[in-house]
């Protein structure tokens, strides 16, 4: 009896028909007899569980991203309103500063006139 697999496959003898049937069944897929059904179920469960976990994480990510984008839009709108409000406030302050400058000039002019008249 040969130790090579090909030689055993063509060997005639009492175990030859059984060996040929075994070779036909496992020609495309060889099954390791040490792998039990529990291992396969465990592997399948792990894969399904992993896929479910990934889908839950992705949906949570999408929800968080959508909420974040809405928040960003709200901040942009708020910033635009603040800019517009500040433009109005700055324009108002400029007007007030011009008024103060004008009043100060008037006061200085009046003081200078009074000093000039006192010297005469």
N, C-alpha and C. Protein backbone atom coordinates (compact mmCIF):
# COMPACT_ATOMS: atom_id res chain seq x y z
N UNK A 1 0.84 -1.17 0.00
CA UNK A 1 0.00 0.00 0.00
C UNK A 1 0.89 1.24 0.00
N UNK A 2 0.56 2.16 -0.86
CA UNK A 2 1.35 3.37 -1.02
C UNK A 2 0.90 4.42 -0.02
N UNK A 3 1.79 5.32 0.31
CA UNK A 3 1.43 6.39 1.24
C UNK A 3 0.93 7.62 0.51
N UNK A 4 1.00 7.65 -0.80
CA UNK A 4 0.53 8.81 -1.56
C UNK A 4 -0.97 8.72 -1.77
N UNK A 5 -1.61 9.83 -1.70
CA UNK A 5 -3.07 9.90 -1.82
C UNK A 5 -3.54 9.44 -3.19
N UNK A 6 -2.84 9.84 -4.26
CA UNK A 6 -3.25 9.45 -5.61
C UNK A 6 -3.14 7.94 -5.80
N UNK A 7 -2.11 7.36 -5.22
CA UNK A 7 -1.94 5.92 -5.35
C UNK A 7 -3.06 5.19 -4.62
N UNK A 8 -3.48 5.68 -3.44
CA UNK A 8 -4.54 5.04 -2.68
C UNK A 8 -5.86 5.14 -3.42
N UNK A 9 -6.05 6.20 -4.15
CA UNK A 9 -7.31 6.42 -4.84
C UNK A 9 -7.52 5.38 -5.95
N UNK A 10 -6.45 4.95 -6.59
CA UNK A 10 -6.57 4.00 -7.69
C UNK A 10 -6.34 2.56 -7.27
N UNK A 11 -6.13 2.37 -6.01
CA UNK A 11 -5.82 1.04 -5.52
C UNK A 11 -7.10 0.20 -5.44
N UNK A 12 -7.01 -1.00 -5.86
CA UNK A 12 -8.14 -1.93 -5.73
C UNK A 12 -7.93 -2.74 -4.48
N UNK A 13 -8.98 -3.06 -3.82
CA UNK A 13 -8.89 -3.86 -2.62
C UNK A 13 -10.18 -3.73 -1.84
N UNK A 14 -10.22 -4.28 -0.62
CA UNK A 14 -11.46 -4.27 0.14
C UNK A 14 -11.95 -2.87 0.48
N UNK A 15 -11.10 -1.87 0.68
CA UNK A 15 -11.53 -0.52 1.04
C UNK A 15 -11.64 0.40 -0.15
N UNK A 16 -11.35 -0.08 -1.34
CA UNK A 16 -11.31 0.78 -2.53
C UNK A 16 -12.66 1.41 -2.85
N UNK A 17 -13.80 0.70 -2.90
CA UNK A 17 -15.07 1.37 -3.24
C UNK A 17 -15.45 2.45 -2.22
N UNK A 18 -15.21 2.19 -0.96
CA UNK A 18 -15.55 3.17 0.06
C UNK A 18 -14.66 4.41 -0.08
N UNK A 19 -13.41 4.20 -0.38
CA UNK A 19 -12.48 5.31 -0.53
C UNK A 19 -12.86 6.13 -1.76
N UNK A 20 -13.25 5.52 -2.83
CA UNK A 20 -13.66 6.25 -4.04
C UNK A 20 -14.91 7.08 -3.77
N UNK A 21 -15.87 6.52 -3.03
CA UNK A 21 -17.09 7.27 -2.69
C UNK A 21 -16.72 8.46 -1.82
N UNK A 22 -15.83 8.26 -0.89
CA UNK A 22 -15.38 9.35 -0.02
C UNK A 22 -14.69 10.43 -0.86
N UNK A 23 -13.88 10.04 -1.84
CA UNK A 23 -13.18 11.00 -2.69
C UNK A 23 -14.16 11.79 -3.54
N UNK A 24 -15.23 11.17 -4.04
CA UNK A 24 -16.22 11.89 -4.86
C UNK A 24 -16.96 12.92 -4.03
N UNK A 25 -17.30 12.60 -2.81
CA UNK A 25 -18.06 13.53 -1.96
C UNK A 25 -17.21 14.73 -1.58
N UNK A 26 -15.95 14.54 -1.40
CA UNK A 26 -15.09 15.62 -0.91
C UNK A 26 -14.14 16.13 -1.97
N UNK A 27 -14.48 15.96 -3.21
CA UNK A 27 -13.61 16.42 -4.27
C UNK A 27 -13.54 17.95 -4.30
N UNK A 28 -14.69 18.66 -4.17
CA UNK A 28 -14.72 20.12 -4.25
C UNK A 28 -14.59 20.78 -2.88
N UNK A 29 -15.03 20.12 -1.86
CA UNK A 29 -15.01 20.71 -0.53
C UNK A 29 -14.55 19.64 0.44
N UNK A 30 -13.46 19.87 1.06
CA UNK A 30 -12.97 18.91 2.05
C UNK A 30 -13.35 19.42 3.42
N UNK A 31 -14.02 18.64 4.18
CA UNK A 31 -14.51 19.01 5.49
C UNK A 31 -13.58 18.47 6.55
N UNK A 32 -13.18 19.34 7.43
CA UNK A 32 -12.32 18.93 8.53
C UNK A 32 -13.22 18.33 9.61
N UNK A 33 -13.09 17.08 9.94
CA UNK A 33 -13.98 16.45 10.91
C UNK A 33 -13.80 16.97 12.33
N UNK A 34 -12.75 17.74 12.60
CA UNK A 34 -12.58 18.29 13.94
C UNK A 34 -13.42 19.54 14.15
N UNK A 35 -13.99 20.09 13.08
CA UNK A 35 -14.84 21.28 13.18
C UNK A 35 -16.25 20.81 13.51
N UNK A 36 -16.77 21.26 14.63
CA UNK A 36 -18.10 20.82 15.03
C UNK A 36 -19.15 21.83 14.58
N UNK A 37 -20.40 21.44 14.68
CA UNK A 37 -21.51 22.31 14.33
C UNK A 37 -21.53 23.54 15.24
N UNK A 38 -21.16 23.37 16.47
CA UNK A 38 -21.12 24.49 17.41
C UNK A 38 -20.14 25.57 16.98
N UNK A 39 -19.00 25.15 16.45
CA UNK A 39 -18.02 26.12 15.97
C UNK A 39 -18.58 26.89 14.79
N UNK A 40 -19.23 26.18 13.87
CA UNK A 40 -19.81 26.85 12.70
C UNK A 40 -20.92 27.81 13.10
N UNK A 41 -21.78 27.40 14.04
CA UNK A 41 -22.85 28.26 14.53
C UNK A 41 -22.26 29.47 15.23
N UNK A 42 -21.22 29.25 16.01
CA UNK A 42 -20.55 30.35 16.71
C UNK A 42 -19.96 31.34 15.71
N UNK A 43 -19.30 30.83 14.68
CA UNK A 43 -18.73 31.69 13.65
C UNK A 43 -19.81 32.48 12.92
N UNK A 44 -20.88 31.81 12.55
CA UNK A 44 -21.99 32.47 11.85
C UNK A 44 -22.62 33.52 12.77
N UNK A 45 -22.82 33.19 14.02
CA UNK A 45 -23.38 34.15 14.98
C UNK A 45 -22.48 35.36 15.15
N UNK A 46 -21.18 35.12 15.20
CA UNK A 46 -20.23 36.23 15.33
C UNK A 46 -20.29 37.15 14.11
N UNK A 47 -20.36 36.54 12.94
CA UNK A 47 -20.44 37.35 11.72
C UNK A 47 -21.73 38.15 11.67
N UNK A 48 -22.85 37.52 11.99
CA UNK A 48 -24.14 38.23 11.99
C UNK A 48 -24.13 39.31 13.07
N UNK A 49 -23.64 38.99 14.25
CA UNK A 49 -23.56 39.98 15.33
C UNK A 49 -22.67 41.17 14.95
N UNK A 50 -21.56 40.88 14.32
CA UNK A 50 -20.67 41.95 13.86
C UNK A 50 -21.34 42.83 12.82
N UNK A 51 -22.06 42.20 11.89
CA UNK A 51 -22.76 42.98 10.87
C UNK A 51 -23.84 43.85 11.50
N UNK A 52 -24.56 43.32 12.46
CA UNK A 52 -25.59 44.10 13.15
C UNK A 52 -24.95 45.26 13.92
N UNK A 53 -23.86 44.98 14.60
CA UNK A 53 -23.17 46.04 15.37
C UNK A 53 -22.68 47.14 14.45
N UNK A 54 -22.11 46.75 13.30
CA UNK A 54 -21.65 47.75 12.35
C UNK A 54 -22.81 48.59 11.80
N UNK A 55 -23.93 47.95 11.51
CA UNK A 55 -25.06 48.71 10.99
C UNK A 55 -25.63 49.66 12.03
N UNK A 56 -25.65 49.24 13.29
CA UNK A 56 -26.13 50.12 14.36
C UNK A 56 -25.17 51.29 14.54
N UNK A 57 -23.87 51.02 14.53
CA UNK A 57 -22.89 52.10 14.67
C UNK A 57 -22.99 53.07 13.50
N UNK A 58 -23.18 52.55 12.29
CA UNK A 58 -23.28 53.42 11.12
C UNK A 58 -24.54 54.27 11.18
N UNK A 59 -25.65 53.69 11.59
CA UNK A 59 -26.89 54.48 11.67
C UNK A 59 -26.76 55.54 12.76
N UNK A 60 -26.12 55.21 13.88
CA UNK A 60 -25.88 56.20 14.93
C UNK A 60 -24.97 57.31 14.41
N UNK A 61 -23.95 56.93 13.66
CA UNK A 61 -23.05 57.92 13.06
C UNK A 61 -23.82 58.85 12.14
N UNK A 62 -24.70 58.28 11.31
CA UNK A 62 -25.48 59.11 10.38
C UNK A 62 -26.40 60.07 11.14
N UNK A 63 -27.03 59.58 12.20
CA UNK A 63 -27.92 60.44 12.99
C UNK A 63 -27.12 61.56 13.64
N UNK A 64 -25.97 61.22 14.21
CA UNK A 64 -25.13 62.23 14.84
C UNK A 64 -24.63 63.25 13.82
N UNK A 65 -24.27 62.76 12.66
CA UNK A 65 -23.78 63.65 11.60
C UNK A 65 -24.88 64.59 11.15
N UNK A 66 -26.10 64.07 10.99
CA UNK A 66 -27.23 64.91 10.59
C UNK A 66 -27.50 65.97 11.65
N UNK A 67 -27.49 65.57 12.91
CA UNK A 67 -27.71 66.53 13.99
C UNK A 67 -26.59 67.58 14.02
N UNK A 68 -25.37 67.15 13.80
CA UNK A 68 -24.25 68.07 13.81
C UNK A 68 -24.35 69.07 12.66
N UNK A 69 -24.76 68.60 11.48
CA UNK A 69 -24.92 69.51 10.34
C UNK A 69 -26.02 70.53 10.60
N UNK A 70 -27.11 70.09 11.25
CA UNK A 70 -28.17 71.03 11.62
C UNK A 70 -27.65 72.07 12.60
N UNK A 71 -26.86 71.62 13.57
CA UNK A 71 -26.28 72.54 14.55
C UNK A 71 -25.36 73.55 13.87
N UNK A 72 -24.57 73.07 12.93
CA UNK A 72 -23.66 73.96 12.21
C UNK A 72 -24.44 75.01 11.43
N UNK A 73 -25.51 74.60 10.79
CA UNK A 73 -26.35 75.55 10.06
C UNK A 73 -26.94 76.58 11.01
N UNK A 74 -27.39 76.14 12.18
CA UNK A 74 -27.96 77.07 13.17
C UNK A 74 -26.90 78.07 13.63
N UNK A 75 -25.67 77.60 13.84
CA UNK A 75 -24.58 78.48 14.25
C UNK A 75 -24.27 79.49 13.15
N UNK A 76 -24.26 79.03 11.90
CA UNK A 76 -24.01 79.95 10.78
C UNK A 76 -25.07 81.03 10.71
N UNK A 77 -26.33 80.64 10.86
CA UNK A 77 -27.43 81.61 10.82
C UNK A 77 -27.29 82.60 11.97
N UNK A 78 -26.99 82.10 13.16
CA UNK A 78 -26.80 82.95 14.32
C UNK A 78 -25.64 83.92 14.12
N UNK A 79 -24.54 83.42 13.57
CA UNK A 79 -23.38 84.27 13.32
C UNK A 79 -23.71 85.36 12.31
N UNK A 80 -24.49 85.02 11.28
CA UNK A 80 -24.89 86.01 10.28
C UNK A 80 -25.76 87.10 10.93
N UNK A 81 -26.69 86.68 11.78
CA UNK A 81 -27.53 87.66 12.49
C UNK A 81 -26.68 88.55 13.39
N UNK A 82 -25.74 87.95 14.09
CA UNK A 82 -24.86 88.73 14.96
C UNK A 82 -24.05 89.75 14.17
N UNK A 83 -23.54 89.34 12.99
CA UNK A 83 -22.78 90.26 12.15
C UNK A 83 -23.65 91.44 11.73
N UNK A 84 -24.88 91.13 11.32
CA UNK A 84 -25.78 92.20 10.90
C UNK A 84 -26.09 93.13 12.07
N UNK A 85 -26.33 92.55 13.25
CA UNK A 85 -26.58 93.38 14.44
C UNK A 85 -25.37 94.24 14.77
N UNK A 86 -24.18 93.64 14.68
CA UNK A 86 -22.97 94.40 14.98
C UNK A 86 -22.74 95.52 13.98
N UNK A 87 -23.09 95.28 12.72
CA UNK A 87 -22.95 96.35 11.73
C UNK A 87 -23.82 97.53 12.11
N UNK A 88 -25.03 97.24 12.55
CA UNK A 88 -25.93 98.32 12.99
C UNK A 88 -25.38 99.04 14.21
N UNK A 89 -24.86 98.27 15.17
CA UNK A 89 -24.31 98.86 16.39
C UNK A 89 -23.09 99.71 16.06
N UNK A 90 -22.22 99.20 15.20
CA UNK A 90 -21.02 99.94 14.82
C UNK A 90 -21.39 101.23 14.10
N UNK A 91 -22.37 101.17 13.20
CA UNK A 91 -22.82 102.38 12.50
C UNK A 91 -23.38 103.39 13.49
N UNK A 92 -24.13 102.91 14.46
CA UNK A 92 -24.69 103.78 15.49
C UNK A 92 -23.59 104.42 16.33
N UNK A 93 -22.58 103.61 16.68
CA UNK A 93 -21.47 104.14 17.47
C UNK A 93 -20.70 105.18 16.66
N UNK A 94 -20.48 104.94 15.40
CA UNK A 94 -19.79 105.93 14.56
C UNK A 94 -20.55 107.24 14.53
N UNK A 95 -21.86 107.14 14.40
CA UNK A 95 -22.69 108.34 14.39
C UNK A 95 -22.57 109.07 15.73
N UNK A 96 -22.59 108.32 16.81
CA UNK A 96 -22.45 108.93 18.14
C UNK A 96 -21.08 109.59 18.30
N UNK A 97 -20.05 108.95 17.79
CA UNK A 97 -18.69 109.52 17.88
C UNK A 97 -18.62 110.81 17.08
N UNK A 98 -19.23 110.83 15.91
CA UNK A 98 -19.25 112.06 15.10
C UNK A 98 -19.96 113.18 15.86
N UNK A 99 -21.09 112.83 16.51
CA UNK A 99 -21.82 113.83 17.29
C UNK A 99 -20.96 114.36 18.44
N UNK A 100 -20.26 113.45 19.11
CA UNK A 100 -19.40 113.87 20.23
C UNK A 100 -18.28 114.76 19.71
N UNK A 101 -17.67 114.39 18.58
CA UNK A 101 -16.60 115.21 17.99
C UNK A 101 -17.13 116.60 17.65
N UNK A 102 -18.30 116.64 17.07
CA UNK A 102 -18.91 117.91 16.70
C UNK A 102 -19.18 118.76 17.95
N UNK A 103 -19.73 118.14 18.96
CA UNK A 103 -20.00 118.85 20.21
C UNK A 103 -18.69 119.34 20.85
N UNK A 104 -17.66 118.50 20.82
CA UNK A 104 -16.37 118.87 21.39
C UNK A 104 -15.77 120.05 20.64
N UNK A 105 -15.87 120.04 19.33
CA UNK A 105 -15.37 121.16 18.53
C UNK A 105 -16.11 122.44 18.88
N UNK A 106 -17.44 122.30 19.04
CA UNK A 106 -18.23 123.48 19.41
C UNK A 106 -17.79 124.03 20.76
N UNK A 107 -17.56 123.13 21.72
CA UNK A 107 -17.14 123.54 23.05
C UNK A 107 -15.77 124.21 22.98
N UNK A 108 -14.86 123.61 22.25
CA UNK A 108 -13.51 124.18 22.12
C UNK A 108 -13.55 125.54 21.43
N UNK A 109 -14.36 125.65 20.42
CA UNK A 109 -14.51 126.92 19.71
C UNK A 109 -15.06 128.01 20.66
N UNK A 110 -16.07 127.63 21.43
CA UNK A 110 -16.67 128.57 22.38
C UNK A 110 -15.65 128.99 23.41
N UNK A 111 -14.84 128.05 23.91
CA UNK A 111 -13.81 128.38 24.91
C UNK A 111 -12.77 129.32 24.30
N UNK A 112 -12.35 129.02 23.09
CA UNK A 112 -11.36 129.87 22.45
C UNK A 112 -11.90 131.29 22.25
N UNK A 113 -13.15 131.39 21.88
CA UNK A 113 -13.76 132.71 21.69
C UNK A 113 -13.84 133.46 23.01
N UNK A 114 -14.19 132.74 24.06
CA UNK A 114 -14.27 133.38 25.38
C UNK A 114 -12.89 133.85 25.83
N UNK A 115 -11.87 133.03 25.61
CA UNK A 115 -10.51 133.41 26.00
C UNK A 115 -10.03 134.62 25.18
N UNK A 116 -10.38 134.65 23.94
CA UNK A 116 -9.99 135.75 23.08
C UNK A 116 -10.64 137.05 23.53
N UNK A 117 -11.91 136.95 23.92
CA UNK A 117 -12.63 138.14 24.35
C UNK A 117 -12.13 138.61 25.72
N UNK A 118 -11.70 137.71 26.54
CA UNK A 118 -11.18 138.09 27.85
C UNK A 118 -9.84 138.83 27.71
N UNK A 119 -9.09 138.51 26.75
CA UNK A 119 -7.79 139.14 26.55
C UNK A 119 -7.96 140.57 26.03
N UNK A 120 -8.99 140.85 25.42
CA UNK A 120 -9.18 142.19 24.87
C UNK A 120 -9.57 143.12 25.89
